[in-house]
Amino acid sequence: MIEFHATTICAVRRSADDVAIGGDGQVTMGESAIMKNGAVKVKKIFHDSVLTGFAGSVADAFSLTEKFEKKLEENGGNLKRAAVDLAEIWRSDKGMRSLEALMIVADRDDLLVLSGNGEIIAPDQSFVAIGSGGNYAYSAANALYNHTDMDAEQIVRESLKIASSICVYTNDHITVEKLGGDKDNE
């Protein structure tokens, strides 16, 4: 079976008023073909107060995002509670255990990674990256976050550009979402 995979997502939280998440647009079919260059893998949910982005199997990621949004509704927008509820379902539901995706979720207070094992990971610092080019984007975000005055959006965008110059599964068609601002494509 040929699988479609999404690639690199990076999120940065400088402060409650400076939170951004971005992703590249490449979708790879199997190991050797680019199926799409302009996919959007980040979005605002729950009344535009939560940012989410995914890497991994596209269909699985859409399913997880939908389930997470329902959990946010059930928990009045409480990001951590919704993440815990989703993790519980992810671990216990036989169908969900086979989902191959990672998600980053962020609001003004928290930044979390939800893993395919039903884990919830709060990064040590206020930035994180996942996907094929995640290590490259993470390294770039680390340097930019700790050694520049760049805002969250600038760090996300530059980190993804750096990852796209190294990782064959990451392109430079970058979409960024931020809290308190509009979607910005480059």
C-alpha atoms as a PDB file:
ATOM      1  CA  MET A   1       0.000   0.000   0.000  1.00  0.00           C
ATOM      2  CA  ILE A   2       1.333   3.443  -0.922  1.00  0.00           C
ATOM      3  CA  GLU A   3       1.197   5.912   1.937  1.00  0.00           C
ATOM      4  CA  PHE A   4       1.104   9.691   1.813  1.00  0.00           C
ATOM      5  CA  HIS A   5       3.159  11.499   4.419  1.00  0.00           C
ATOM      6  CA  ALA A   6       3.395  15.062   5.593  1.00  0.00           C
ATOM      7  CA  THR A   7       6.704  16.511   6.686  1.00  0.00           C
ATOM      8  CA  THR A   8       7.911  19.307   8.956  1.00  0.00           C
ATOM      9  CA  ILE A   9       6.088  21.401  11.585  1.00  0.00           C
ATOM     10  CA  CYS A  10       7.688  23.949  13.942  1.00  0.00           C
ATOM     11  CA  ALA A  11       6.073  25.931  16.777  1.00  0.00           C
ATOM     12  CA  VAL A  12       7.423  28.722  18.983  1.00  0.00           C
ATOM     13  CA  ARG A  13       5.926  30.513  21.972  1.00  0.00           C
ATOM     14  CA  ARG A  14       7.818  33.681  22.934  1.00  0.00           C
ATOM     15  CA  SER A  15       5.017  34.931  25.196  1.00  0.00           C
ATOM     16  CA  ALA A  16       1.246  34.659  25.539  1.00  0.00           C
ATOM     17  CA  ASP A  17       0.941  37.273  22.786  1.00  0.00           C
ATOM     18  CA  ASP A  18       3.631  35.808  20.519  1.00  0.00           C
ATOM     19  CA  VAL A  19       2.810  32.216  19.524  1.00  0.00           C
ATOM     20  CA  ALA A  20       3.267  30.780  16.025  1.00  0.00           C
ATOM     21  CA  ILE A  21       3.200  27.436  14.261  1.00  0.00           C
ATOM     22  CA  GLY A  22       4.253  26.698  10.718  1.00  0.00           C
ATOM     23  CA  GLY A  23       4.632  23.871   8.290  1.00  0.00           C
ATOM     24  CA  ASP A  24       5.997  23.198   4.864  1.00  0.00           C
ATOM     25  CA  GLY A  25       3.724  22.199   1.999  1.00  0.00           C
ATOM     26  CA  GLN A  26       5.245  18.957   0.743  1.00  0.00           C
ATOM     27  CA  VAL A  27       3.318  15.704   0.738  1.00  0.00           C
ATOM     28  CA  THR A  28       5.394  12.707  -0.264  1.00  0.00           C
ATOM     29  CA  MET A  29       3.921   9.564  -1.793  1.00  0.00           C
ATOM     30  CA  GLY A  30       5.909   6.543  -0.703  1.00  0.00           C
ATOM     31  CA  GLU A  31       9.628   7.202  -0.458  1.00  0.00           C
ATOM     32  CA  SER A  32      10.374   8.795  -3.797  1.00  0.00           C
ATOM     33  CA  ALA A  33       7.621  10.978  -5.231  1.00  0.00           C
ATOM     34  CA  ILE A  34       6.330  14.410  -4.325  1.00  0.00           C
ATOM     35  CA  MET A  35       2.555  14.294  -4.609  1.00  0.00           C
ATOM     36  CA  LYS A  36       1.815  17.890  -3.601  1.00  0.00           C
ATOM     37  CA  ASN A  37       3.848  21.022  -2.920  1.00  0.00           C
ATOM     38  CA  GLY A  38       1.284  23.311  -1.320  1.00  0.00           C
ATOM     39  CA  ALA A  39      -0.465  21.316   1.393  1.00  0.00           C
ATOM     40  CA  VAL A  40      -1.540  23.216   4.506  1.00  0.00           C
ATOM     41  CA  LYS A  41      -0.724  21.287   7.676  1.00  0.00           C
ATOM     42  CA  VAL A  42      -1.295  23.977  10.297  1.00  0.00           C
ATOM     43  CA  LYS A  43      -4.487  25.668  11.353  1.00  0.00           C
ATOM     44  CA  LYS A  44      -6.341  27.537  14.062  1.00  0.00           C
ATOM     45  CA  ILE A  45      -9.091  25.694  15.887  1.00  0.00           C
ATOM     46  CA  PHE A  46     -11.456  26.298  18.805  1.00  0.00           C
ATOM     47  CA  HIS A  47     -12.538  29.865  18.045  1.00  0.00           C
ATOM     48  CA  ASP A  48      -9.049  30.715  16.702  1.00  0.00           C
ATOM     49  CA  SER A  49      -7.524  30.291  20.185  1.00  0.00           C
ATOM     50  CA  VAL A  50      -5.547  27.079  19.563  1.00  0.00           C
ATOM     51  CA  LEU A  51      -2.902  26.363  16.952  1.00  0.00           C
ATOM     52  CA  THR A  52      -2.362  22.852  15.635  1.00  0.00           C
ATOM     53  CA  GLY A  53      -0.043  21.218  13.154  1.00  0.00           C
ATOM     54  CA  PHE A  54       0.600  17.639  12.130  1.00  0.00           C
ATOM     55  CA  ALA A  55       3.260  15.420  10.650  1.00  0.00           C
ATOM     56  CA  GLY A  56       2.850  11.838   9.533  1.00  0.00           C
ATOM     57  CA  SER A  57       0.094  10.108   7.639  1.00  0.00           C
ATOM     58  CA  VAL A  58      -2.231  12.806   6.306  1.00  0.00           C
ATOM     59  CA  ALA A  59      -5.482  10.892   6.809  1.00  0.00           C
ATOM     60  CA  ASP A  60      -4.471   9.919  10.341  1.00  0.00           C
ATOM     61  CA  ALA A  61      -3.529  13.494  11.152  1.00  0.00           C
ATOM     62  CA  PHE A  62      -6.878  14.822   9.925  1.00  0.00           C
ATOM     63  CA  SER A  63      -8.649  12.252  12.097  1.00  0.00           C
ATOM     64  CA  LEU A  64      -6.600  13.222  15.153  1.00  0.00           C
ATOM     65  CA  THR A  65      -7.111  16.939  14.605  1.00  0.00           C
ATOM     66  CA  GLU A  66     -10.858  16.394  14.373  1.00  0.00           C
ATOM     67  CA  LYS A  67     -10.900  14.305  17.569  1.00  0.00           C
ATOM     68  CA  PHE A  68      -8.731  16.858  19.383  1.00  0.00           C
ATOM     69  CA  GLU A  69     -11.054  19.678  18.386  1.00  0.00           C
ATOM     70  CA  LYS A  70     -14.005  17.724  19.812  1.00  0.00           C
ATOM     71  CA  LYS A  71     -12.078  17.251  23.068  1.00  0.00           C
ATOM     72  CA  LEU A  72     -11.389  20.997  23.212  1.00  0.00           C
ATOM     73  CA  GLU A  73     -15.122  21.657  22.852  1.00  0.00           C
ATOM     74  CA  GLU A  74     -15.914  19.135  25.603  1.00  0.00           C
ATOM     75  CA  ASN A  75     -13.327  20.718  27.916  1.00  0.00           C
ATOM     76  CA  GLY A  76     -14.194  24.369  27.308  1.00  0.00           C
ATOM     77  CA  GLY A  77     -10.929  25.047  25.468  1.00  0.00           C
ATOM     78  CA  ASN A  78      -8.657  23.663  28.195  1.00  0.00           C
ATOM     79  CA  LEU A  79      -5.677  22.538  26.097  1.00  0.00           C
ATOM     80  CA  LYS A  80      -4.066  20.242  28.660  1.00  0.00           C
ATOM     81  CA  ARG A  81      -7.320  18.525  29.609  1.00  0.00           C
ATOM     82  CA  ALA A  82      -8.235  18.019  25.949  1.00  0.00           C
ATOM     83  CA  ALA A  83      -4.749  16.570  25.297  1.00  0.00           C
ATOM     84  CA  VAL A  84      -5.095  14.134  28.207  1.00  0.00           C
ATOM     85  CA  ASP A  85      -8.545  13.044  27.030  1.00  0.00           C
ATOM     86  CA  LEU A  86      -7.257  12.496  23.484  1.00  0.00           C
ATOM     87  CA  ALA A  87      -4.242  10.545  24.798  1.00  0.00           C
ATOM     88  CA  GLU A  88      -6.538   8.279  26.819  1.00  0.00           C
ATOM     89  CA  ILE A  89      -8.624   7.500  23.744  1.00  0.00           C
ATOM     90  CA  TRP A  90      -5.520   7.116  21.574  1.00  0.00           C
ATOM     91  CA  ARG A  91      -4.094   4.492  23.948  1.00  0.00           C
ATOM     92  CA  SER A  92      -7.309   2.569  24.541  1.00  0.00           C
ATOM     93  CA  ASP A  93      -9.035   2.630  21.155  1.00  0.00           C
ATOM     94  CA  LYS A  94      -7.834  -0.236  18.963  1.00  0.00           C
ATOM     95  CA  GLY A  95      -8.364   1.741  15.755  1.00  0.00           C
ATOM     96  CA  MET A  96      -6.593   4.849  17.007  1.00  0.00           C
ATOM     97  CA  ARG A  97      -3.533   2.937  18.241  1.00  0.00           C
ATOM     98  CA  SER A  98      -2.609   2.296  14.624  1.00  0.00           C
ATOM     99  CA  LEU A  99      -2.674   5.998  13.646  1.00  0.00           C
ATOM    100  CA  GLU A 100       0.701   7.226  12.412  1.00  0.00           C
ATOM    101  CA  ALA A 101       0.878  10.924  13.168  1.00  0.00           C
ATOM    102  CA  LEU A 102       2.301  13.501  15.541  1.00  0.00           C
ATOM    103  CA  MET A 103       0.602  16.746  16.475  1.00  0.00           C
ATOM    104  CA  ILE A 104       1.790  19.998  17.969  1.00  0.00           C
ATOM    105  CA  VAL A 105      -0.890  21.978  19.776  1.00  0.00           C
ATOM    106  CA  ALA A 106      -0.438  25.412  21.318  1.00  0.00           C
ATOM    107  CA  ASP A 107      -2.413  28.159  22.953  1.00  0.00           C
ATOM    108  CA  ARG A 108      -1.354  31.312  24.773  1.00  0.00           C
ATOM    109  CA  ASP A 109      -0.243  29.299  27.830  1.00  0.00           C
ATOM    110  CA  ASP A 110       0.995  25.909  26.631  1.00  0.00           C
ATOM    111  CA  LEU A 111       2.873  24.148  23.867  1.00  0.00           C
ATOM    112  CA  LEU A 112       2.487  20.355  23.616  1.00  0.00           C
ATOM    113  CA  VAL A 113       3.392  17.462  21.337  1.00  0.00           C
ATOM    114  CA  LEU A 114       0.881  14.633  21.102  1.00  0.00           C
ATOM    115  CA  SER A 115       2.584  11.441  19.970  1.00  0.00           C
ATOM    116  CA  GLY A 116       1.419   8.308  18.208  1.00  0.00           C
ATOM    117  CA  ASN A 117       1.795   6.373  21.452  1.00  0.00           C
ATOM    118  CA  GLY A 118      -0.743   8.578  23.180  1.00  0.00           C
ATOM    119  CA  GLU A 119       1.962  10.536  24.981  1.00  0.00           C
ATOM    120  CA  ILE A 120       1.788  14.214  25.856  1.00  0.00           C
ATOM    121  CA  ILE A 121       5.143  15.969  25.767  1.00  0.00           C
ATOM    122  CA  ALA A 122       5.731  19.498  27.021  1.00  0.00           C
ATOM    123  CA  PRO A 123       9.056  20.669  25.581  1.00  0.00           C
ATOM    124  CA  ASP A 124      11.778  21.944  27.918  1.00  0.00           C
ATOM    125  CA  GLN A 125      11.875  25.264  26.091  1.00  0.00           C
ATOM    126  CA  SER A 126       9.135  27.184  24.309  1.00  0.00           C
ATOM    127  CA  PHE A 127       9.771  25.725  20.859  1.00  0.00           C
ATOM    128  CA  VAL A 128       9.407  22.320  19.234  1.00  0.00           C
ATOM    129  CA  ALA A 129       9.513  20.708  15.798  1.00  0.00           C
ATOM    130  CA  ILE A 130       8.296  17.372  14.433  1.00  0.00           C
ATOM    131  CA  GLY A 131       8.339  15.435  11.190  1.00  0.00           C
ATOM    132  CA  SER A 132      10.996  14.416   8.694  1.00  0.00           C
ATOM    133  CA  GLY A 133      12.809  17.728   8.949  1.00  0.00           C
ATOM    134  CA  GLY A 134      11.937  18.187  12.622  1.00  0.00           C
ATOM    135  CA  ASN A 135      15.482  17.799  13.938  1.00  0.00           C
ATOM    136  CA  TYR A 136      16.771  20.420  11.497  1.00  0.00           C
ATOM    137  CA  ALA A 137      13.954  22.857  12.272  1.00  0.00           C
ATOM    138  CA  TYR A 138      14.371  22.232  16.010  1.00  0.00           C
ATOM    139  CA  SER A 139      18.102  22.957  15.870  1.00  0.00           C
ATOM    140  CA  ALA A 140      17.500  26.168  13.945  1.00  0.00           C
ATOM    141  CA  ALA A 141      14.702  27.232  16.318  1.00  0.00           C
ATOM    142  CA  ASN A 142      16.953  26.535  19.300  1.00  0.00           C
ATOM    143  CA  ALA A 143      19.681  28.824  17.965  1.00  0.00           C
ATOM    144  CA  LEU A 144      17.279  31.563  16.869  1.00  0.00           C
ATOM    145  CA  TYR A 145      15.183  31.466  20.046  1.00  0.00           C
ATOM    146  CA  ASN A 146      18.162  31.601  22.383  1.00  0.00           C
ATOM    147  CA  HIS A 147      20.462  33.939  20.448  1.00  0.00           C
ATOM    148  CA  THR A 148      18.251  36.461  18.638  1.00  0.00           C
ATOM    149  CA  ASP A 149      15.375  38.810  19.356  1.00  0.00           C
ATOM    150  CA  MET A 150      13.308  37.409  16.493  1.00  0.00           C
ATOM    151  CA  ASP A 151       9.601  37.004  17.213  1.00  0.00           C
ATOM    152  CA  ALA A 152       7.866  33.612  17.150  1.00  0.00           C
ATOM    153  CA  GLU A 153       6.696  33.888  13.550  1.00  0.00           C
ATOM    154  CA  GLN A 154      10.147  34.874  12.295  1.00  0.00           C
ATOM    155  CA  ILE A 155      11.769  31.962  14.142  1.00  0.00           C
ATOM    156  CA  VAL A 156       9.224  29.471  12.800  1.00  0.00           C
ATOM    157  CA  ARG A 157       9.571  30.716   9.238  1.00  0.00           C
ATOM    158  CA  GLU A 158      13.397  30.780   9.268  1.00  0.00           C
ATOM    159  CA  SER A 159      13.644  27.393  10.988  1.00  0.00           C
ATOM    160  CA  LEU A 160      11.448  25.816   8.319  1.00  0.00           C
ATOM    161  CA  LYS A 161      13.459  27.480   5.549  1.00  0.00           C
ATOM    162  CA  ILE A 162      16.631  26.010   7.015  1.00  0.00           C
ATOM    163  CA  ALA A 163      15.028  22.565   7.299  1.00  0.00           C
ATOM    164  CA  SER A 164      13.862  22.775   3.678  1.00  0.00           C
ATOM    165  CA  SER A 165      17.425  23.419   2.542  1.00  0.00           C
ATOM    166  CA  ILE A 166      18.587  20.173   4.215  1.00  0.00           C
ATOM    167  CA  CYS A 167      15.688  17.683   4.293  1.00  0.00           C
ATOM    168  CA  VAL A 168      14.440  16.160   1.024  1.00  0.00           C
ATOM    169  CA  TYR A 169      10.975  15.635   2.549  1.00  0.00           C
ATOM    170  CA  THR A 170      10.565  19.337   3.412  1.00  0.00           C
ATOM    171  CA  ASN A 171       9.951  22.154   0.936  1.00  0.00           C
ATOM    172  CA  ASP A 172       9.981  25.935   1.191  1.00  0.00           C
ATOM    173  CA  HIS A 173       6.244  26.475   0.632  1.00  0.00           C
ATOM    174  CA  ILE A 174       5.660  27.587   4.225  1.00  0.00           C
ATOM    175  CA  THR A 175       2.362  28.345   5.933  1.00  0.00           C
ATOM    176  CA  VAL A 176       2.388  30.062   9.322  1.00  0.00           C
ATOM    177  CA  GLU A 177      -0.475  30.581  11.748  1.00  0.00           C
ATOM    178  CA  LYS A 178      -0.194  32.787  14.798  1.00  0.00           C
ATOM    179  CA  LEU A 179      -2.444  33.684  17.663  1.00  0.00           C
ATOM    180  CA  GLY A 180      -3.889  37.127  17.327  1.00  0.00           C
ATOM    181  CA  GLY A 181      -2.953  37.406  13.632  1.00  0.00           C
ATOM    182  CA  ASP A 182      -3.963  36.113  10.256  1.00  0.00           C
ATOM    183  CA  LYS A 183      -2.575  33.204   8.283  1.00  0.00           C
ATOM    184  CA  ASP A 184       0.482  34.195   6.312  1.00  0.00           C
ATOM    185  CA  ASN A 185       1.733  32.195   3.346  1.00  0.00           C
ATOM    186  CA  GLU A 186       5.023  32.632   1.640  1.00  0.00           C
END
